[in-house]
Amino acid sequence: MMTPFELAARVWLAAWPLWGVVPPPSSPPPESPRTAVVAAIDARDSPAALLALGDEELASRIESDPASLGSVSIGSAGSAVLFNAVALPADPRWHIAPGAESWATTETIEAIQIAVDTVRELFADTPPMTIGDISGPTGGRLKRHESHQAGRDVDFGFFYRAGKGTWYTPGTAANLDLPRNWAFLRALVARTDVERVFLDTRIQKLLYKHALSIGEDKLWLDRVFQFSRGARDAIVEHLPKHRTHFHVRFYNPVAQELGRRAHPVLVQLNMIAPPVFTVRHVVRSGQTLSHLASRYGVSTSAIMQANGLRTTRLRVGRAYRIPLRAAVPTSQPITVPPRLLPPQTPPAMAAIDWPIPASPSETFRER
């Protein structure tokens, strides 16, 4: 029996010719024998195919050809490194927000394309979507974000009614284009490997009400939205300061699993810095930045960078992250849960094909 990771590798290997930032032509030219051979070699050498290699073979490949890893995500959303990151390309389908850091994994860029394209297929004349921060070119702390370190977190602007809002305008019932925003969120849930969507409860309620009004299944919606039943495993979760955009975190089956396995080798070969992990420290009265630096054996500048601080002042009672260098930890293989597929497609969404569960039980499978 194949392990989940061998299965993931085969799935991604089969899909590799479609993996990239430019959609394939609708009518490709006939494939010549030489083209078929080249395609087979490319598939064999793709990042997805590397998951099937043993540890020694993978280490040898990293040393001889690190670029063949593709984009790799190492660590968690709040403490991570990116290797071979890819810049989100300029595209008529989206605007990159001014000053945004838009480095990602290839899998994340592919997921962005899928979700954005779904809205454009359903609604003609859809304006470009604004995309904000993703990650920096090597991951790690980004501005004042607590996450956005692994190339898997993306800030998406809302779709607004004509003339009713621009990037970072707080969403309301009066200014949001609910049909397009719901189509986007539905695409994230049903057509991508989404881990979480962070969204203010007020926006959640507007989208939930709209989805019900067009005939979406209520039980499914109650699994999608946290506010409705407080489900801990709900995909759409409330987070303060997220009334202005969707904050989406994707799973990256290949980039995360390759990152987990490649990390010790990359450190040993000095291709990336030794791993940095963070511990949580709640400041007590009388404690200063210098005190914390001395206690944990790190520099004050490292603590400031890890927490996005502009001054050395600390607030009593607030938790701060302290970065520590440590040996590479043992870790478990990445597990990506099955998608939470809707049991039915309302007429308003039926202009395109949506994935459907193979059986009713799969609709509400635990994530």
Protein backbone atom coordinates (compact mmCIF):
# COMPACT_ATOMS: atom_id res chain seq x y z
CA MET A 1 0.00 0.00 0.00
CA MET A 2 1.30 3.43 -0.90
CA THR A 3 2.01 5.89 1.89
CA PRO A 4 0.16 9.26 1.72
CA PHE A 5 3.37 10.86 0.53
CA GLU A 6 4.00 8.37 -2.26
CA LEU A 7 0.42 8.97 -3.34
CA ALA A 8 0.94 12.73 -3.20
CA ALA A 9 4.09 12.38 -5.26
CA ARG A 10 2.28 10.37 -7.93
CA VAL A 11 -0.61 12.80 -8.07
CA TRP A 12 1.72 15.78 -8.40
CA LEU A 13 3.89 13.91 -10.87
CA ALA A 14 0.86 13.30 -13.08
CA ALA A 15 -0.09 16.96 -12.86
CA TRP A 16 3.41 18.36 -13.34
CA PRO A 17 3.05 19.49 -17.00
CA LEU A 18 0.23 21.77 -15.79
CA TRP A 19 2.14 23.13 -12.79
CA GLY A 20 3.42 26.65 -13.28
CA VAL A 21 2.45 30.27 -13.51
CA VAL A 22 1.30 30.27 -17.14
CA PRO A 23 -1.82 28.26 -18.11
CA PRO A 24 -1.25 25.76 -20.94
CA PRO A 25 -2.72 26.51 -24.39
CA SER A 26 -6.21 25.19 -24.95
CA SER A 27 -5.17 23.30 -28.09
CA PRO A 28 -1.57 22.08 -27.73
CA PRO A 29 0.28 20.98 -30.85
CA PRO A 30 0.68 17.25 -31.52
CA GLU A 31 3.39 15.73 -29.36
CA SER A 32 6.45 14.45 -31.19
CA PRO A 33 8.40 11.41 -29.92
CA ARG A 34 11.23 13.70 -28.81
CA THR A 35 8.80 15.98 -26.96
CA ALA A 36 7.36 12.95 -25.17
CA VAL A 37 10.85 11.88 -24.05
CA VAL A 38 11.69 15.37 -22.79
CA ALA A 39 8.37 15.54 -20.92
CA ALA A 40 9.07 12.18 -19.27
CA ILE A 41 12.50 13.37 -18.13
CA ASP A 42 11.05 16.62 -16.82
CA ALA A 43 8.40 14.69 -14.88
CA ARG A 44 10.99 12.31 -13.44
CA ASP A 45 13.11 15.25 -12.27
CA SER A 46 10.25 17.39 -10.95
CA PRO A 47 10.08 18.39 -7.26
CA ALA A 48 7.08 16.09 -6.82
CA ALA A 49 9.10 13.14 -8.11
CA LEU A 50 11.86 13.85 -5.58
CA LEU A 51 9.50 12.79 -2.79
CA ALA A 52 9.96 9.20 -3.97
CA LEU A 53 13.75 9.31 -3.49
CA GLY A 54 15.44 7.78 -0.47
CA ASP A 55 17.18 10.06 2.02
CA GLU A 56 20.67 9.46 0.57
CA GLU A 57 19.51 10.01 -3.00
CA LEU A 58 17.68 13.17 -2.01
CA ALA A 59 20.74 14.51 -0.18
CA SER A 60 22.90 13.82 -3.24
CA ARG A 61 20.43 15.63 -5.48
CA ILE A 62 20.33 18.64 -3.16
CA GLU A 63 24.11 18.89 -3.16
CA SER A 64 24.47 18.53 -6.93
CA ASP A 65 21.41 20.47 -8.09
CA PRO A 66 19.62 22.47 -5.34
CA ALA A 67 17.49 24.25 -7.95
CA SER A 68 15.80 20.94 -8.78
CA LEU A 69 14.05 21.05 -5.40
CA GLY A 70 11.81 23.79 -6.69
CA SER A 71 10.37 26.18 -4.13
CA VAL A 72 10.56 24.72 -0.63
CA SER A 73 8.73 25.78 2.54
CA ILE A 74 10.46 24.91 5.80
CA GLY A 75 8.78 25.36 9.16
CA SER A 76 5.46 26.74 10.34
CA ALA A 77 3.55 29.79 9.15
CA GLY A 78 4.91 31.79 12.09
CA SER A 79 8.52 30.57 11.99
CA ALA A 80 9.77 29.48 8.59
CA VAL A 81 12.37 29.65 5.84
CA LEU A 82 11.78 29.76 2.08
CA PHE A 83 14.24 28.19 -0.35
CA ASN A 84 14.05 28.79 -4.11
CA ALA A 85 11.10 31.13 -3.62
CA VAL A 86 9.12 32.30 -6.67
CA ALA A 87 7.88 35.87 -7.15
CA LEU A 88 4.20 36.29 -7.93
CA PRO A 89 4.28 37.44 -11.57
CA ALA A 90 2.59 40.53 -12.93
CA ASP A 91 -0.70 39.44 -14.47
CA PRO A 92 -3.88 41.10 -15.76
CA ARG A 93 -5.88 38.89 -13.38
CA TRP A 94 -4.55 40.67 -10.30
CA HIS A 95 -2.86 43.79 -8.95
CA ILE A 96 0.00 43.49 -6.48
CA ALA A 97 -0.61 46.00 -3.67
CA PRO A 98 1.96 48.81 -3.37
CA GLY A 99 4.85 47.78 -1.13
CA ALA A 100 3.68 44.17 -0.91
CA GLU A 101 6.23 41.35 -0.53
CA SER A 102 4.93 38.68 -2.88
CA TRP A 103 7.35 35.75 -2.76
CA ALA A 104 5.77 32.31 -2.57
CA THR A 105 6.05 28.65 -3.44
CA THR A 106 4.97 27.43 -6.86
CA GLU A 107 2.10 25.55 -5.24
CA THR A 108 0.81 28.71 -3.59
CA ILE A 109 0.93 30.62 -6.89
CA GLU A 110 -0.95 27.78 -8.57
CA ALA A 111 -3.63 27.93 -5.85
CA ILE A 112 -3.92 31.71 -6.34
CA GLN A 113 -4.50 31.17 -10.05
CA ILE A 114 -7.17 28.55 -9.47
CA ALA A 115 -9.20 30.66 -7.03
CA VAL A 116 -8.95 33.87 -9.05
CA ASP A 117 -9.72 32.12 -12.33
CA THR A 118 -12.83 30.51 -10.83
CA VAL A 119 -14.36 33.92 -10.14
CA ARG A 120 -13.51 35.15 -13.63
CA GLU A 121 -15.08 32.05 -15.21
CA LEU A 122 -18.32 32.59 -13.30
CA PHE A 123 -18.60 36.34 -13.71
CA ALA A 124 -17.75 38.23 -16.87
CA ASP A 125 -15.85 41.51 -16.59
CA THR A 126 -14.47 40.68 -13.15
CA PRO A 127 -11.91 43.35 -12.23
CA PRO A 128 -8.40 42.36 -11.19
CA MET A 129 -8.11 41.18 -7.61
CA THR A 130 -5.63 42.97 -5.36
CA ILE A 131 -3.05 40.72 -3.72
CA GLY A 132 -1.06 41.95 -0.73
CA ASP A 133 1.74 40.38 1.29
CA ILE A 134 2.73 36.74 0.86
CA SER A 135 6.32 36.33 2.15
CA GLY A 136 9.80 37.75 1.80
CA PRO A 137 12.27 36.16 -0.66
CA THR A 138 13.81 33.89 2.01
CA GLY A 139 10.85 33.66 4.37
CA GLY A 140 11.18 34.64 8.01
CA ARG A 141 9.70 37.64 9.77
CA LEU A 142 7.80 39.98 7.43
CA LYS A 143 6.97 43.49 8.59
CA ARG A 144 4.56 43.32 11.53
CA HIS A 145 2.89 40.07 10.47
CA GLU A 146 2.98 37.17 12.88
CA SER A 147 2.72 34.71 10.00
CA HIS A 148 3.49 35.17 6.27
CA GLN A 149 6.86 33.45 6.78
CA ALA A 150 6.45 30.22 4.83
CA GLY A 151 5.30 31.31 1.36
CA ARG A 152 1.85 29.87 2.11
CA ASP A 153 -0.03 32.87 3.57
CA VAL A 154 -1.62 35.30 1.10
CA ASP A 155 -3.58 38.51 1.69
CA PHE A 156 -6.34 38.91 -0.91
CA GLY A 157 -8.38 42.09 -1.29
CA PHE A 158 -12.16 41.93 -1.44
CA PHE A 159 -14.23 42.38 -4.57
CA TYR A 160 -16.23 45.60 -4.14
CA ARG A 161 -19.26 46.93 -5.92
CA ALA A 162 -18.34 49.41 -8.62
CA GLY A 163 -16.92 52.55 -7.07
CA LYS A 164 -17.58 51.39 -3.50
CA GLY A 165 -14.10 50.44 -2.29
CA THR A 166 -10.43 49.84 -2.98
CA TRP A 167 -7.62 47.85 -1.36
CA TYR A 168 -8.01 47.62 2.41
CA THR A 169 -11.43 49.28 2.56
CA PRO A 170 -13.42 47.63 5.44
CA GLY A 171 -16.09 45.37 4.01
CA THR A 172 -19.81 46.07 4.59
CA ALA A 173 -23.13 44.89 3.22
CA ALA A 174 -23.27 48.11 1.20
CA ASN A 175 -19.89 47.92 -0.53
CA LEU A 176 -19.03 44.23 -0.93
CA ASP A 177 -19.69 42.34 -4.16
CA LEU A 178 -21.02 39.30 -2.31
CA PRO A 179 -21.51 36.99 -5.34
CA ARG A 180 -17.87 37.36 -6.42
CA ASN A 181 -16.48 37.17 -2.87
CA TRP A 182 -18.50 34.03 -2.18
CA ALA A 183 -17.34 32.44 -5.46
CA PHE A 184 -13.75 33.17 -4.45
CA LEU A 185 -14.17 31.64 -0.99
CA ARG A 186 -16.02 28.62 -2.40
CA ALA A 187 -13.17 28.06 -4.85
CA LEU A 188 -10.62 28.17 -2.02
CA VAL A 189 -12.53 25.52 -0.07
CA ALA A 190 -13.48 23.19 -2.91
CA ARG A 191 -10.71 23.64 -5.48
CA THR A 192 -7.50 24.26 -3.50
CA ASP A 193 -5.71 22.74 -0.53
CA VAL A 194 -6.62 25.54 1.84
CA GLU A 195 -5.62 25.24 5.49
CA ARG A 196 -7.30 28.31 6.98
CA VAL A 197 -9.02 31.52 5.94
CA PHE A 198 -8.81 34.30 8.54
CA LEU A 199 -11.73 36.68 8.25
CA ASP A 200 -13.65 39.02 10.55
CA THR A 201 -16.90 37.50 11.79
CA ARG A 202 -18.90 40.40 10.34
CA ILE A 203 -17.70 39.47 6.85
CA GLN A 204 -18.27 35.77 7.54
CA LYS A 205 -21.92 36.45 8.37
CA LEU A 206 -22.48 38.41 5.17
CA LEU A 207 -21.01 35.62 3.03
CA TYR A 208 -22.86 32.91 4.96
CA LYS A 209 -26.20 34.68 4.48
CA HIS A 210 -25.53 35.15 0.76
CA ALA A 211 -24.50 31.51 0.34
CA LEU A 212 -27.72 30.34 2.00
CA SER A 213 -29.77 32.67 -0.21
CA ILE A 214 -28.48 31.04 -3.40
CA GLY A 215 -29.12 27.49 -2.16
CA GLU A 216 -25.86 26.30 -0.60
CA ASP A 217 -26.14 23.40 1.85
CA LYS A 218 -26.47 24.71 5.44
CA LEU A 219 -24.72 21.76 7.10
CA TRP A 220 -21.75 22.23 4.79
CA LEU A 221 -21.65 25.97 5.47
CA ASP A 222 -21.66 25.26 9.19
CA ARG A 223 -18.45 23.29 8.67
CA VAL A 224 -16.90 26.05 6.57
CA PHE A 225 -17.63 29.03 8.86
CA GLN A 226 -16.47 29.07 12.46
CA PHE A 227 -18.97 31.64 13.72
CA SER A 228 -22.07 29.54 12.98
CA ARG A 229 -21.37 26.69 15.39
CA GLY A 230 -17.95 27.50 16.76
CA ALA A 231 -16.44 24.41 15.11
CA ARG A 232 -12.75 24.25 16.02
CA ASP A 233 -11.90 22.67 12.67
CA ALA A 234 -13.81 25.24 10.59
CA ILE A 235 -11.86 26.57 7.64
CA VAL A 236 -12.95 30.21 7.97
CA GLU A 237 -11.82 31.51 11.34
CA HIS A 238 -12.30 34.91 12.98
CA LEU A 239 -9.21 37.04 13.45
CA PRO A 240 -9.21 40.70 14.51
CA LYS A 241 -8.16 43.29 11.92
CA HIS A 242 -9.39 41.08 9.06
CA ARG A 243 -12.39 43.08 7.97
CA THR A 244 -10.40 44.48 5.06
CA HIS A 245 -9.14 41.36 3.30
CA PHE A 246 -9.02 37.57 3.14
CA HIS A 247 -5.95 36.13 4.85
CA VAL A 248 -5.56 32.69 3.28
CA ARG A 249 -3.15 29.94 4.32
CA PHE A 250 -2.58 27.09 1.88
CA TYR A 251 -1.19 23.62 2.37
CA ASN A 252 1.77 22.84 0.09
CA PRO A 253 2.00 19.03 -0.08
CA VAL A 254 5.24 18.98 -2.06
CA ALA A 255 6.99 22.14 -0.81
CA GLN A 256 6.31 21.33 2.84
CA GLU A 257 7.28 17.66 2.69
CA LEU A 258 10.43 18.37 0.67
CA GLY A 259 11.24 21.14 3.13
CA ARG A 260 10.88 18.79 6.07
CA ARG A 261 13.21 16.24 4.51
CA ALA A 262 15.69 18.66 2.91
CA HIS A 263 16.11 20.98 5.89
CA PRO A 264 18.95 19.09 7.69
CA VAL A 265 20.85 18.70 4.43
CA LEU A 266 20.48 22.37 3.46
CA VAL A 267 21.77 23.41 6.89
CA GLN A 268 24.69 20.97 6.71
CA LEU A 269 25.67 22.30 3.28
CA ASN A 270 25.39 25.92 4.50
CA MET A 271 22.73 26.64 1.88
CA ILE A 272 20.48 28.09 4.55
CA ALA A 273 21.18 29.41 8.03
CA PRO A 274 20.83 27.08 11.03
CA PRO A 275 17.22 26.75 12.14
CA VAL A 276 15.72 29.38 14.41
CA PHE A 277 12.84 28.52 16.69
CA THR A 278 10.87 30.77 18.98
CA VAL A 279 9.70 30.47 22.56
CA ARG A 280 6.93 32.52 24.09
CA HIS A 281 7.78 34.89 26.96
CA VAL A 282 5.22 36.99 28.85
CA VAL A 283 6.89 40.15 30.14
CA ARG A 284 6.69 40.85 33.86
CA SER A 285 7.13 44.15 35.66
CA GLY A 286 10.75 45.31 35.65
CA GLN A 287 11.86 43.15 32.71
CA THR A 288 13.57 44.93 29.83
CA LEU A 289 14.69 43.94 26.35
CA SER A 290 18.27 43.64 27.60
CA HIS A 291 17.05 41.35 30.39
CA LEU A 292 15.39 39.02 27.90
CA ALA A 293 18.41 39.04 25.60
CA SER A 294 20.70 38.09 28.49
CA ARG A 295 18.34 35.44 29.83
CA TYR A 296 17.94 33.64 26.50
CA GLY A 297 21.39 34.29 25.05
CA VAL A 298 20.24 36.21 21.99
CA SER A 299 20.74 39.77 20.79
CA THR A 300 18.26 42.56 21.44
CA SER A 301 18.08 43.18 17.68
CA ALA A 302 17.08 39.54 17.08
CA ILE A 303 14.20 39.88 19.56
CA MET A 304 13.13 43.16 17.99
CA GLN A 305 13.18 41.64 14.50
CA ALA A 306 11.24 38.54 15.59
CA ASN A 307 8.48 40.73 17.01
CA GLY A 308 8.51 43.58 14.51
CA LEU A 309 9.50 46.08 17.21
CA ARG A 310 10.62 49.59 16.30
CA THR A 311 11.67 50.57 19.83
CA THR A 312 13.14 48.71 22.80
CA ARG A 313 10.08 49.34 24.94
CA LEU A 314 8.23 46.25 26.19
CA ARG A 315 4.68 46.05 27.51
CA VAL A 316 4.06 44.27 30.80
CA GLY A 317 1.72 41.30 30.33
CA ARG A 318 2.34 41.02 26.61
CA ALA A 319 3.78 37.83 25.09
CA TYR A 320 6.89 38.17 22.92
CA ARG A 321 8.61 35.60 20.73
CA ILE A 322 12.23 34.87 21.56
CA PRO A 323 14.24 33.40 18.64
CA LEU A 324 16.57 30.56 19.57
CA ARG A 325 19.01 28.60 17.47
CA ALA A 326 18.76 24.87 17.97
CA ALA A 327 19.49 21.54 16.38
CA VAL A 328 17.21 20.43 13.57
CA PRO A 329 14.25 18.74 15.27
CA THR A 330 12.75 15.45 14.28
CA SER A 331 9.41 15.93 12.55
CA GLN A 332 6.51 13.93 11.21
CA PRO A 333 5.55 13.74 7.51
CA ILE A 334 3.19 16.43 6.30
CA THR A 335 -0.45 15.37 6.27
CA VAL A 336 -2.90 17.27 4.07
CA PRO A 337 -6.53 16.52 4.94
CA PRO A 338 -9.14 15.86 2.25
CA ARG A 339 -11.00 18.85 0.89
CA LEU A 340 -14.36 19.75 2.42
CA LEU A 341 -16.45 19.38 -0.73
CA PRO A 342 -19.99 20.79 -0.97
CA PRO A 343 -22.72 18.19 -1.50
CA GLN A 344 -24.50 20.24 -4.16
CA THR A 345 -23.93 23.08 -6.61
CA PRO A 346 -26.51 25.89 -6.63
CA PRO A 347 -27.67 27.19 -10.04
CA ALA A 348 -25.77 30.44 -9.47
CA MET A 349 -22.52 28.45 -9.32
CA ALA A 350 -23.34 25.85 -11.99
CA ALA A 351 -21.75 27.57 -14.98
CA ILE A 352 -18.52 25.68 -14.25
CA ASP A 353 -17.70 22.17 -13.05
CA TRP A 354 -17.05 21.79 -9.33
CA PRO A 355 -15.53 18.78 -7.60
CA ILE A 356 -18.15 16.73 -5.81
CA PRO A 357 -17.78 14.15 -3.02
CA ALA A 358 -17.64 10.52 -4.08
CA SER A 359 -20.15 9.72 -1.34
CA PRO A 360 -22.28 11.75 1.10
CA SER A 361 -20.00 10.77 3.98
CA GLU A 362 -17.03 12.45 2.29
CA THR A 363 -18.72 15.85 2.44
CA PHE A 364 -18.39 16.04 6.20
CA ARG A 365 -15.20 14.08 6.68
CA GLU A 366 -13.19 15.36 9.64
CA ARG A 367 -10.35 17.62 8.64
